[in-house]
PDB file of N, CA and C in Angstrom:
ATOM      1  N   MET A   1       0.843  -1.184   0.000  1.00  0.00           N
ATOM      2  CA  MET A   1       0.000   0.000   0.000  1.00  0.00           C
ATOM      3  C   MET A   1       0.878   1.233   0.000  1.00  0.00           C
ATOM      4  N   ASN A   2       0.390   2.259  -0.568  1.00  0.00           N
ATOM      5  CA  ASN A   2       1.188   3.469  -0.679  1.00  0.00           C
ATOM      6  C   ASN A   2       0.908   4.431   0.462  1.00  0.00           C
ATOM      7  N   GLN A   3      -0.190   5.143   0.394  1.00  0.00           N
ATOM      8  CA  GLN A   3      -0.521   6.134   1.409  1.00  0.00           C
ATOM      9  C   GLN A   3      -1.361   5.489   2.511  1.00  0.00           C
ATOM     10  N   ASN A   4      -1.135   5.899   3.721  1.00  0.00           N
ATOM     11  CA  ASN A   4      -1.944   5.421   4.852  1.00  0.00           C
ATOM     12  C   ASN A   4      -2.147   3.915   4.801  1.00  0.00           C
ATOM     13  N   SER A   5      -1.064   3.169   4.736  1.00  0.00           N
ATOM     14  CA  SER A   5      -1.160   1.728   4.548  1.00  0.00           C
ATOM     15  C   SER A   5      -1.827   1.012   5.720  1.00  0.00           C
ATOM     16  N   ASN A   6      -2.077   1.722   6.788  1.00  0.00           N
ATOM     17  CA  ASN A   6      -2.691   1.077   7.940  1.00  0.00           C
ATOM     18  C   ASN A   6      -4.204   1.258   7.980  1.00  0.00           C
ATOM     19  N   LEU A   7      -4.819   1.602   6.850  1.00  0.00           N
ATOM     20  CA  LEU A   7      -6.276   1.733   6.813  1.00  0.00           C
ATOM     21  C   LEU A   7      -6.908   0.349   6.882  1.00  0.00           C
ATOM     22  N   SER A   8      -7.986   0.254   7.618  1.00  0.00           N
ATOM     23  CA  SER A   8      -8.694  -1.017   7.709  1.00  0.00           C
ATOM     24  C   SER A   8      -9.529  -1.226   6.451  1.00  0.00           C
ATOM     25  N   ALA A   9      -9.945  -2.457   6.248  1.00  0.00           N
ATOM     26  CA  ALA A   9     -10.814  -2.761   5.103  1.00  0.00           C
ATOM     27  C   ALA A   9     -12.107  -1.975   5.223  1.00  0.00           C
ATOM     28  N   GLU A  10     -12.594  -1.822   6.435  1.00  0.00           N
ATOM     29  CA  GLU A  10     -13.830  -1.066   6.664  1.00  0.00           C
ATOM     30  C   GLU A  10     -13.656   0.389   6.239  1.00  0.00           C
ATOM     31  N   GLU A  11     -12.526   0.987   6.591  1.00  0.00           N
ATOM     32  CA  GLU A  11     -12.255   2.376   6.223  1.00  0.00           C
ATOM     33  C   GLU A  11     -12.122   2.514   4.710  1.00  0.00           C
ATOM     34  N   LEU A  12     -11.422   1.555   4.089  1.00  0.00           N
ATOM     35  CA  LEU A  12     -11.301   1.594   2.622  1.00  0.00           C
ATOM     36  C   LEU A  12     -12.671   1.481   1.968  1.00  0.00           C
ATOM     37  N   ASP A  13     -13.523   0.578   2.488  1.00  0.00           N
ATOM     38  CA  ASP A  13     -14.879   0.440   1.961  1.00  0.00           C
ATOM     39  C   ASP A  13     -15.653   1.744   2.070  1.00  0.00           C
ATOM     40  N   LYS A  14     -15.566   2.399   3.218  1.00  0.00           N
ATOM     41  CA  LYS A  14     -16.269   3.670   3.417  1.00  0.00           C
ATOM     42  C   LYS A  14     -15.789   4.715   2.418  1.00  0.00           C
ATOM     43  N   ARG A  15     -14.482   4.807   2.250  1.00  0.00           N
ATOM     44  CA  ARG A  15     -13.925   5.794   1.314  1.00  0.00           C
ATOM     45  C   ARG A  15     -14.352   5.488  -0.118  1.00  0.00           C
ATOM     46  N   PHE A  16     -14.304   4.207  -0.482  1.00  0.00           N
ATOM     47  CA  PHE A  16     -14.714   3.812  -1.825  1.00  0.00           C
ATOM     48  C   PHE A  16     -16.190   4.129  -2.043  1.00  0.00           C
ATOM     49  N   ASP A  17     -17.028   3.745  -1.078  1.00  0.00           N
ATOM     50  CA  ASP A  17     -18.469   3.970  -1.184  1.00  0.00           C
ATOM     51  C   ASP A  17     -18.817   5.448  -1.272  1.00  0.00           C
ATOM     52  N   SER A  18     -17.982   6.306  -0.679  1.00  0.00           N
ATOM     53  CA  SER A  18     -18.249   7.746  -0.731  1.00  0.00           C
ATOM     54  C   SER A  18     -17.708   8.380  -2.014  1.00  0.00           C
ATOM     55  N   GLY A  19     -17.085   7.553  -2.865  1.00  0.00           N
ATOM     56  CA  GLY A  19     -16.608   8.054  -4.153  1.00  0.00           C
ATOM     57  C   GLY A  19     -15.149   8.471  -4.167  1.00  0.00           C
ATOM     58  N   GLU A  20     -14.466   8.310  -3.054  1.00  0.00           N
ATOM     59  CA  GLU A  20     -13.056   8.681  -2.990  1.00  0.00           C
ATOM     60  C   GLU A  20     -12.220   7.669  -3.768  1.00  0.00           C
ATOM     61  N   LYS A  21     -11.189   8.155  -4.428  1.00  0.00           N
ATOM     62  CA  LYS A  21     -10.277   7.252  -5.123  1.00  0.00           C
ATOM     63  C   LYS A  21      -9.392   6.582  -4.084  1.00  0.00           C
ATOM     64  N   ILE A  22      -9.349   5.255  -4.133  1.00  0.00           N
ATOM     65  CA  ILE A  22      -8.575   4.514  -3.128  1.00  0.00           C
ATOM     66  C   ILE A  22      -7.369   3.807  -3.744  1.00  0.00           C
ATOM     67  N   SER A  23      -7.152   3.978  -5.037  1.00  0.00           N
ATOM     68  CA  SER A  23      -6.070   3.232  -5.697  1.00  0.00           C
ATOM     69  C   SER A  23      -4.710   3.524  -5.067  1.00  0.00           C
ATOM     70  N   GLY A  24      -4.521   4.693  -4.511  1.00  0.00           N
ATOM     71  CA  GLY A  24      -3.263   5.031  -3.864  1.00  0.00           C
ATOM     72  C   GLY A  24      -3.039   4.271  -2.577  1.00  0.00           C
ATOM     73  N   HIS A  25      -4.090   3.641  -2.073  1.00  0.00           N
ATOM     74  CA  HIS A  25      -4.003   2.884  -0.828  1.00  0.00           C
ATOM     75  C   HIS A  25      -3.806   1.388  -1.062  1.00  0.00           C
ATOM     76  N   LEU A  26      -3.777   0.982  -2.322  1.00  0.00           N
ATOM     77  CA  LEU A  26      -3.697  -0.444  -2.645  1.00  0.00           C
ATOM     78  C   LEU A  26      -2.311  -0.826  -3.125  1.00  0.00           C
ATOM     79  N   ASP A  27      -1.921  -2.053  -2.847  1.00  0.00           N
ATOM     80  CA  ASP A  27      -0.650  -2.596  -3.319  1.00  0.00           C
ATOM     81  C   ASP A  27      -0.942  -3.426  -4.566  1.00  0.00           C
ATOM     82  N   TRP A  28      -0.820  -2.818  -5.726  1.00  0.00           N
ATOM     83  CA  TRP A  28      -1.185  -3.460  -6.983  1.00  0.00           C
ATOM     84  C   TRP A  28      -0.246  -4.605  -7.342  1.00  0.00           C
ATOM     85  N   SER A  29       0.942  -4.651  -6.754  1.00  0.00           N
ATOM     86  CA  SER A  29       1.867  -5.740  -7.068  1.00  0.00           C
ATOM     87  C   SER A  29       1.341  -7.075  -6.550  1.00  0.00           C
ATOM     88  N   LYS A  30       0.403  -7.043  -5.618  1.00  0.00           N
ATOM     89  CA  LYS A  30      -0.161  -8.275  -5.070  1.00  0.00           C
ATOM     90  C   LYS A  30      -1.552  -8.573  -5.616  1.00  0.00           C
ATOM     91  N   ALA A  31      -2.001  -7.780  -6.576  1.00  0.00           N
ATOM     92  CA  ALA A  31      -3.326  -7.992  -7.157  1.00  0.00           C
ATOM     93  C   ALA A  31      -3.326  -9.277  -7.978  1.00  0.00           C
ATOM     94  N   ARG A  32      -4.458  -9.963  -7.985  1.00  0.00           N
ATOM     95  CA  ARG A  32      -4.578 -11.171  -8.789  1.00  0.00           C
ATOM     96  C   ARG A  32      -5.986 -11.263  -9.331  1.00  0.00           C
ATOM     97  N   ARG A  33      -6.144 -12.081 -10.341  1.00  0.00           N
ATOM     98  CA  ARG A  33      -7.435 -12.253 -10.983  1.00  0.00           C
ATOM     99  C   ARG A  33      -7.821 -13.723 -10.889  1.00  0.00           C
ATOM    100  N   PRO A  34      -8.611 -14.077  -9.890  1.00  0.00           N
ATOM    101  CA  PRO A  34      -9.004 -15.477  -9.701  1.00  0.00           C
ATOM    102  C   PRO A  34      -9.648 -16.047 -10.965  1.00  0.00           C
ATOM    103  N   GLY A  35      -9.272 -17.271 -11.289  1.00  0.00           N
ATOM    104  CA  GLY A  35      -9.856 -17.944 -12.437  1.00  0.00           C
ATOM    105  C   GLY A  35      -9.166 -17.662 -13.753  1.00  0.00           C
ATOM    106  N   ARG A  36      -8.239 -16.736 -13.781  1.00  0.00           N
ATOM    107  CA  ARG A  36      -7.594 -16.362 -15.033  1.00  0.00           C
ATOM    108  C   ARG A  36      -6.795 -17.525 -15.626  1.00  0.00           C
ATOM    109  N   GLU A  37      -6.105 -18.291 -14.780  1.00  0.00           N
ATOM    110  CA  GLU A  37      -5.336 -19.425 -15.276  1.00  0.00           C
ATOM    111  C   GLU A  37      -6.254 -20.496 -15.849  1.00  0.00           C
ATOM    112  N   GLN A  38      -7.388 -20.725 -15.195  1.00  0.00           N
ATOM    113  CA  GLN A  38      -8.343 -21.715 -15.688  1.00  0.00           C
ATOM    114  C   GLN A  38      -8.918 -21.274 -17.028  1.00  0.00           C
ATOM    115  N   LEU A  39      -9.200 -20.001 -17.166  1.00  0.00           N
ATOM    116  CA  LEU A  39      -9.722 -19.473 -18.424  1.00  0.00           C
ATOM    117  C   LEU A  39      -8.695 -19.642 -19.534  1.00  0.00           C
ATOM    118  N   ALA A  40      -7.442 -19.342 -19.244  1.00  0.00           N
ATOM    119  CA  ALA A  40      -6.383 -19.478 -20.246  1.00  0.00           C
ATOM    120  C   ALA A  40      -6.255 -20.933 -20.687  1.00  0.00           C
ATOM    121  N   GLU A  41      -6.334 -21.865 -19.754  1.00  0.00           N
ATOM    122  CA  GLU A  41      -6.251 -23.287 -20.099  1.00  0.00           C
ATOM    123  C   GLU A  41      -7.445 -23.703 -20.955  1.00  0.00           C
ATOM    124  N   MET A  42      -8.626 -23.234 -20.599  1.00  0.00           N
ATOM    125  CA  MET A  42      -9.818 -23.562 -21.377  1.00  0.00           C
ATOM    126  C   MET A  42      -9.693 -23.028 -22.805  1.00  0.00           C
ATOM    127  N   LEU A  43      -9.160 -21.825 -22.966  1.00  0.00           N
ATOM    128  CA  LEU A  43      -8.980 -21.251 -24.295  1.00  0.00           C
ATOM    129  C   LEU A  43      -7.953 -22.033 -25.102  1.00  0.00           C
ATOM    130  N   ARG A  44      -6.862 -22.465 -24.455  1.00  0.00           N
ATOM    131  CA  ARG A  44      -5.859 -23.291 -25.147  1.00  0.00           C
ATOM    132  C   ARG A  44      -6.470 -24.597 -25.635  1.00  0.00           C
ATOM    133  N   GLU A  45      -7.266 -25.234 -24.779  1.00  0.00           N
ATOM    134  CA  GLU A  45      -7.906 -26.499 -25.160  1.00  0.00           C
ATOM    135  C   GLU A  45      -8.888 -26.300 -26.302  1.00  0.00           C
ATOM    136  N   THR A  46      -9.668 -25.239 -26.248  1.00  0.00           N
ATOM    137  CA  THR A  46     -10.627 -24.944 -27.310  1.00  0.00           C
ATOM    138  C   THR A  46      -9.905 -24.682 -28.627  1.00  0.00           C
ATOM    139  N   LYS A  47      -8.840 -23.921 -28.566  1.00  0.00           N
ATOM    140  CA  LYS A  47      -8.053 -23.630 -29.765  1.00  0.00           C
ATOM    141  C   LYS A  47      -7.505 -24.924 -30.360  1.00  0.00           C
ATOM    142  N   GLN A  48      -7.002 -25.809 -29.512  1.00  0.00           N
ATOM    143  CA  GLN A  48      -6.459 -27.079 -29.984  1.00  0.00           C
ATOM    144  C   GLN A  48      -7.542 -27.929 -30.634  1.00  0.00           C
ATOM    145  N   ARG A  49      -8.721 -28.002 -30.007  1.00  0.00           N
ATOM    146  CA  ARG A  49      -9.820 -28.784 -30.593  1.00  0.00           C
ATOM    147  C   ARG A  49     -10.236 -28.218 -31.942  1.00  0.00           C
ATOM    148  N   LEU A  50     -10.304 -26.892 -32.059  1.00  0.00           N
ATOM    149  CA  LEU A  50     -10.677 -26.269 -33.329  1.00  0.00           C
ATOM    150  C   LEU A  50      -9.634 -26.545 -34.402  1.00  0.00           C
ATOM    151  N   LEU A  51      -8.374 -26.461 -34.033  1.00  0.00           N
ATOM    152  CA  LEU A  51      -7.293 -26.743 -34.977  1.00  0.00           C
ATOM    153  C   LEU A  51      -7.392 -28.189 -35.473  1.00  0.00           C
ATOM    154  N   GLU A  52      -7.628 -29.125 -34.570  1.00  0.00           N
ATOM    155  CA  GLU A  52      -7.762 -30.528 -34.954  1.00  0.00           C
ATOM    156  C   GLU A  52      -8.955 -30.733 -35.873  1.00  0.00           C
ATOM    157  N   GLU A  53     -10.049 -30.051 -35.604  1.00  0.00           N
ATOM    158  CA  GLU A  53     -11.239 -30.170 -36.451  1.00  0.00           C
ATOM    159  C   GLU A  53     -10.978 -29.616 -37.853  1.00  0.00           C
ATOM    160  N   VAL A  54     -10.310 -28.490 -37.938  1.00  0.00           N
ATOM    161  CA  VAL A  54      -9.965 -27.908 -39.243  1.00  0.00           C
ATOM    162  C   VAL A  54      -9.054 -28.860 -40.009  1.00  0.00           C
ATOM    163  N   GLN A  55      -8.097 -29.450 -39.327  1.00  0.00           N
ATOM    164  CA  GLN A  55      -7.201 -30.405 -39.991  1.00  0.00           C
ATOM    165  C   GLN A  55      -7.983 -31.630 -40.479  1.00  0.00           C
ATOM    166  N   ARG A  56      -8.933 -32.094 -39.684  1.00  0.00           N
ATOM    167  CA  ARG A  56      -9.760 -33.229 -40.085  1.00  0.00           C
ATOM    168  C   ARG A  56     -10.575 -32.876 -41.323  1.00  0.00           C
ATOM    169  N   LEU A  57     -11.158 -31.687 -41.329  1.00  0.00           N
ATOM    170  CA  LEU A  57     -11.931 -31.240 -42.486  1.00  0.00           C
ATOM    171  C   LEU A  57     -11.051 -31.081 -43.721  1.00  0.00           C
ATOM    172  N   ASP A  58      -9.852 -30.567 -43.542  1.00  0.00           N
ATOM    173  CA  ASP A  58      -8.915 -30.434 -44.662  1.00  0.00           C
ATOM    174  C   ASP A  58      -8.605 -31.800 -45.270  1.00  0.00           C
ATOM    175  N   ARG A  59      -8.388 -32.806 -44.427  1.00  0.00           N
ATOM    176  CA  ARG A  59      -8.106 -34.151 -44.928  1.00  0.00           C
ATOM    177  C   ARG A  59      -9.313 -34.716 -45.677  1.00  0.00           C
ATOM    178  N   ALA A  60     -10.503 -34.481 -45.145  1.00  0.00           N
ATOM    179  CA  ALA A  60     -11.719 -34.955 -45.806  1.00  0.00           C
ATOM    180  C   ALA A  60     -11.890 -34.289 -47.176  1.00  0.00           C
ATOM    181  N   ILE A  61     -11.664 -33.006 -47.248  1.00  0.00           N
ATOM    182  CA  ILE A  61     -11.759 -32.277 -48.528  1.00  0.00           C
ATOM    183  C   ILE A  61     -10.738 -32.813 -49.512  1.00  0.00           C
ATOM    184  N   GLU A  62      -9.548 -33.059 -49.033  1.00  0.00           N
ATOM    185  CA  GLU A  62      -8.488 -33.587 -49.905  1.00  0.00           C
ATOM    186  C   GLU A  62      -8.891 -34.956 -50.459  1.00  0.00           C
ATOM    187  N   GLN A  63      -9.483 -35.812 -49.611  1.00  0.00           N
ATOM    188  CA  GLN A  63      -9.919 -37.126 -50.055  1.00  0.00           C
ATOM    189  C   GLN A  63     -11.030 -37.007 -51.094  1.00  0.00           C
ATOM    190  N   ILE A  64     -11.964 -36.119 -50.878  1.00  0.00           N
ATOM    191  CA  ILE A  64     -13.089 -35.931 -51.816  1.00  0.00           C
ATOM    192  C   ILE A  64     -12.579 -35.389 -53.147  1.00  0.00           C
ATOM    193  N   SER A  65     -11.632 -34.471 -53.103  1.00  0.00           N
ATOM    194  CA  SER A  65     -11.149 -33.860 -54.337  1.00  0.00           C
ATOM    195  C   SER A  65     -10.307 -34.835 -55.169  1.00  0.00           C
ATOM    196  N   LYS A  66      -9.811 -35.918 -54.574  1.00  0.00           N
ATOM    197  CA  LYS A  66      -9.027 -36.928 -55.303  1.00  0.00           C
ATOM    198  C   LYS A  66      -9.933 -37.876 -56.087  1.00  0.00           C
ATOM    199  N   ARG A  67     -11.206 -37.887 -55.820  1.00  0.00           N
ATOM    200  CA  ARG A  67     -12.140 -38.812 -56.489  1.00  0.00           C
ATOM    201  C   ARG A  67     -12.440 -38.395 -57.882  1.00  0.00           C
TER     202      ARG A  67
END
């Protein structure tokens, strides 16, 4: 935390609720986004499945065009 690092969560909530900017009171180096790793893994898996499907379709088209 930068300024007034000893503020309680309750005090930060009050300041935030009153419209005060509290970003100066937060330690952004410790911020995290829960679920982000799971989302990234899901996107990698989806991309891989789509790539495999496109390759399968390409092979099918190639077989049909040889007839």
